[in-house]
Amino acid sequence: MGIEDAVNKGKDLYEQNKDKIAEAVKSEQAEDISDKVLDGVADFAKKIAPGAADKIDEIRDEADKAVGNQ
């Protein structure tokens, strides 16, 4: 099985399970995990670039809208 075969198999699996995947991404568990990860990344970024805290919070909030249920 070559790379192309693996990619095609991955695409097929995604197509067969995209409803389940979408449901999982919008779950409460995904929300909790994504909040922790995004908060950690945002805090780290603020330590590196303290003058950009407002922009970092804005980016964090936009990313949070893409994952979870809130």
N, C-alpha and C. Protein backbone atom coordinates (compact mmCIF):
# COMPACT_ATOMS: atom_id res chain seq x y z
N MET A 1 0.85 -1.17 0.00
CA MET A 1 0.00 0.00 0.00
C MET A 1 0.89 1.23 0.00
N GLY A 2 0.72 2.07 -1.00
CA GLY A 2 1.51 3.28 -1.09
C GLY A 2 0.84 4.44 -0.37
N ILE A 3 1.52 5.57 -0.39
CA ILE A 3 1.00 6.79 0.25
C ILE A 3 -0.35 7.17 -0.34
N GLU A 4 -0.45 7.13 -1.65
CA GLU A 4 -1.70 7.52 -2.32
C GLU A 4 -2.85 6.61 -1.87
N ASP A 5 -2.58 5.33 -1.73
CA ASP A 5 -3.61 4.40 -1.26
C ASP A 5 -4.04 4.74 0.17
N ALA A 6 -3.08 5.07 1.01
CA ALA A 6 -3.38 5.42 2.40
C ALA A 6 -4.21 6.70 2.46
N VAL A 7 -3.86 7.67 1.64
CA VAL A 7 -4.61 8.93 1.61
C VAL A 7 -6.04 8.68 1.14
N ASN A 8 -6.19 7.88 0.10
CA ASN A 8 -7.53 7.57 -0.40
C ASN A 8 -8.35 6.80 0.62
N LYS A 9 -7.72 5.88 1.34
CA LYS A 9 -8.42 5.14 2.38
C LYS A 9 -8.85 6.09 3.50
N GLY A 10 -7.98 7.03 3.84
CA GLY A 10 -8.33 8.03 4.86
C GLY A 10 -9.50 8.89 4.42
N LYS A 11 -9.51 9.28 3.16
CA LYS A 11 -10.63 10.06 2.63
C LYS A 11 -11.93 9.27 2.69
N ASP A 12 -11.84 8.00 2.31
CA ASP A 12 -13.02 7.14 2.35
C ASP A 12 -13.55 6.99 3.77
N LEU A 13 -12.65 6.76 4.72
CA LEU A 13 -13.06 6.63 6.12
C LEU A 13 -13.70 7.92 6.63
N TYR A 14 -13.12 9.05 6.23
CA TYR A 14 -13.70 10.34 6.63
C TYR A 14 -15.11 10.48 6.08
N GLU A 15 -15.28 10.20 4.81
CA GLU A 15 -16.60 10.33 4.18
C GLU A 15 -17.62 9.43 4.85
N GLN A 16 -17.22 8.23 5.22
CA GLN A 16 -18.13 7.28 5.86
C GLN A 16 -18.50 7.71 7.28
N ASN A 17 -17.64 8.50 7.93
CA ASN A 17 -17.83 8.84 9.34
C ASN A 17 -17.92 10.33 9.60
N LYS A 18 -18.13 11.15 8.56
CA LYS A 18 -18.06 12.60 8.78
C LYS A 18 -19.13 13.12 9.73
N ASP A 19 -20.30 12.48 9.78
CA ASP A 19 -21.33 12.92 10.73
C ASP A 19 -20.89 12.66 12.17
N LYS A 20 -20.30 11.50 12.41
CA LYS A 20 -19.80 11.17 13.75
C LYS A 20 -18.65 12.09 14.14
N ILE A 21 -17.79 12.40 13.18
CA ILE A 21 -16.65 13.29 13.44
C ILE A 21 -17.15 14.68 13.79
N ALA A 22 -18.11 15.19 13.01
CA ALA A 22 -18.67 16.53 13.28
C ALA A 22 -19.32 16.57 14.65
N GLU A 23 -20.02 15.51 15.01
CA GLU A 23 -20.66 15.44 16.32
C GLU A 23 -19.62 15.45 17.44
N ALA A 24 -18.53 14.72 17.25
CA ALA A 24 -17.48 14.66 18.27
C ALA A 24 -16.79 16.01 18.44
N VAL A 25 -16.57 16.72 17.33
CA VAL A 25 -15.90 18.02 17.37
C VAL A 25 -16.77 19.04 18.09
N LYS A 26 -18.08 18.88 18.02
CA LYS A 26 -19.00 19.82 18.66
C LYS A 26 -19.48 19.36 20.04
N SER A 27 -18.80 18.38 20.62
CA SER A 27 -19.21 17.82 21.90
C SER A 27 -18.71 18.66 23.08
N GLU A 28 -19.30 18.39 24.24
CA GLU A 28 -18.88 19.05 25.47
C GLU A 28 -17.45 18.68 25.83
N GLN A 29 -17.08 17.42 25.59
CA GLN A 29 -15.72 16.97 25.88
C GLN A 29 -14.72 17.72 25.01
N ALA A 30 -15.03 17.88 23.72
CA ALA A 30 -14.14 18.63 22.83
C ALA A 30 -14.03 20.08 23.28
N GLU A 31 -15.14 20.64 23.76
CA GLU A 31 -15.13 22.02 24.26
C GLU A 31 -14.19 22.16 25.44
N ASP A 32 -14.28 21.24 26.40
CA ASP A 32 -13.43 21.30 27.58
C ASP A 32 -11.95 21.18 27.22
N ILE A 33 -11.64 20.23 26.36
CA ILE A 33 -10.24 20.01 25.96
C ILE A 33 -9.72 21.21 25.18
N SER A 34 -10.52 21.69 24.23
CA SER A 34 -10.05 22.81 23.40
C SER A 34 -9.86 24.07 24.25
N ASP A 35 -10.74 24.30 25.23
CA ASP A 35 -10.58 25.46 26.10
C ASP A 35 -9.24 25.40 26.84
N LYS A 36 -8.91 24.23 27.37
CA LYS A 36 -7.65 24.09 28.11
C LYS A 36 -6.44 24.32 27.20
N VAL A 37 -6.50 23.74 26.01
CA VAL A 37 -5.38 23.89 25.07
C VAL A 37 -5.27 25.34 24.62
N LEU A 38 -6.38 25.94 24.23
CA LEU A 38 -6.34 27.33 23.74
C LEU A 38 -5.92 28.30 24.84
N ASP A 39 -6.38 28.07 26.06
CA ASP A 39 -5.97 28.93 27.18
C ASP A 39 -4.46 28.83 27.42
N GLY A 40 -3.94 27.60 27.36
CA GLY A 40 -2.51 27.41 27.56
C GLY A 40 -1.67 28.08 26.48
N VAL A 41 -2.10 27.93 25.24
CA VAL A 41 -1.38 28.56 24.13
C VAL A 41 -1.47 30.07 24.24
N ALA A 42 -2.64 30.59 24.57
CA ALA A 42 -2.81 32.04 24.69
C ALA A 42 -1.94 32.59 25.83
N ASP A 43 -1.91 31.92 26.97
CA ASP A 43 -1.08 32.37 28.08
C ASP A 43 0.40 32.38 27.71
N PHE A 44 0.84 31.34 27.01
CA PHE A 44 2.23 31.27 26.56
C PHE A 44 2.54 32.42 25.60
N ALA A 45 1.63 32.65 24.65
CA ALA A 45 1.84 33.72 23.67
C ALA A 45 1.90 35.09 24.35
N LYS A 46 1.10 35.29 25.38
CA LYS A 46 1.10 36.57 26.10
C LYS A 46 2.42 36.79 26.84
N LYS A 47 3.05 35.71 27.29
CA LYS A 47 4.35 35.84 27.95
C LYS A 47 5.43 36.24 26.95
N ILE A 48 5.31 35.73 25.74
CA ILE A 48 6.28 36.05 24.70
C ILE A 48 6.05 37.43 24.12
N ALA A 49 4.76 37.80 23.96
CA ALA A 49 4.40 39.09 23.34
C ALA A 49 3.36 39.78 24.20
N PRO A 50 3.76 40.29 25.37
CA PRO A 50 2.77 40.88 26.29
C PRO A 50 2.02 42.08 25.71
N GLY A 51 2.60 42.75 24.76
CA GLY A 51 1.93 43.90 24.15
C GLY A 51 0.81 43.52 23.21
N ALA A 52 0.69 42.24 22.90
CA ALA A 52 -0.32 41.79 21.95
C ALA A 52 -1.44 40.99 22.64
N ALA A 53 -1.63 41.22 23.92
CA ALA A 53 -2.60 40.43 24.69
C ALA A 53 -4.00 40.52 24.11
N ASP A 54 -4.43 41.70 23.71
CA ASP A 54 -5.79 41.85 23.16
C ASP A 54 -5.95 41.07 21.87
N LYS A 55 -4.97 41.14 21.00
CA LYS A 55 -5.02 40.41 19.73
C LYS A 55 -4.97 38.90 19.98
N ILE A 56 -4.16 38.49 20.93
CA ILE A 56 -4.07 37.06 21.27
C ILE A 56 -5.41 36.56 21.78
N ASP A 57 -6.07 37.33 22.63
CA ASP A 57 -7.39 36.94 23.13
C ASP A 57 -8.41 36.86 21.99
N GLU A 58 -8.32 37.78 21.06
CA GLU A 58 -9.23 37.79 19.90
C GLU A 58 -9.03 36.53 19.06
N ILE A 59 -7.79 36.18 18.80
CA ILE A 59 -7.48 34.99 18.01
C ILE A 59 -7.92 33.74 18.76
N ARG A 60 -7.68 33.70 20.06
CA ARG A 60 -8.10 32.55 20.88
C ARG A 60 -9.60 32.36 20.82
N ASP A 61 -10.36 33.45 20.92
CA ASP A 61 -11.81 33.37 20.89
C ASP A 61 -12.32 32.89 19.54
N GLU A 62 -11.71 33.34 18.47
CA GLU A 62 -12.11 32.89 17.12
C GLU A 62 -11.83 31.40 16.94
N ALA A 63 -10.68 30.95 17.42
CA ALA A 63 -10.35 29.53 17.32
C ALA A 63 -11.31 28.70 18.15
N ASP A 64 -11.72 29.22 19.31
CA ASP A 64 -12.63 28.50 20.19
C ASP A 64 -13.99 28.27 19.54
N LYS A 65 -14.42 29.19 18.71
CA LYS A 65 -15.71 29.06 18.03
C LYS A 65 -15.72 27.87 17.06
N ALA A 66 -14.56 27.46 16.59
CA ALA A 66 -14.49 26.39 15.59
C ALA A 66 -14.57 25.00 16.22
N VAL A 67 -14.33 24.89 17.53
CA VAL A 67 -14.29 23.57 18.17
C VAL A 67 -15.19 23.60 19.39
N GLY A 68 -15.89 22.52 19.62
CA GLY A 68 -16.73 22.41 20.80
C GLY A 68 -18.13 22.90 20.54
N ASN A 69 -18.85 23.13 21.62
CA ASN A 69 -20.27 23.48 21.49
C ASN A 69 -20.61 24.86 22.02
N GLN A 70 -19.60 25.67 22.26
CA GLN A 70 -19.87 27.04 22.74
C GLN A 70 -19.07 28.02 21.93
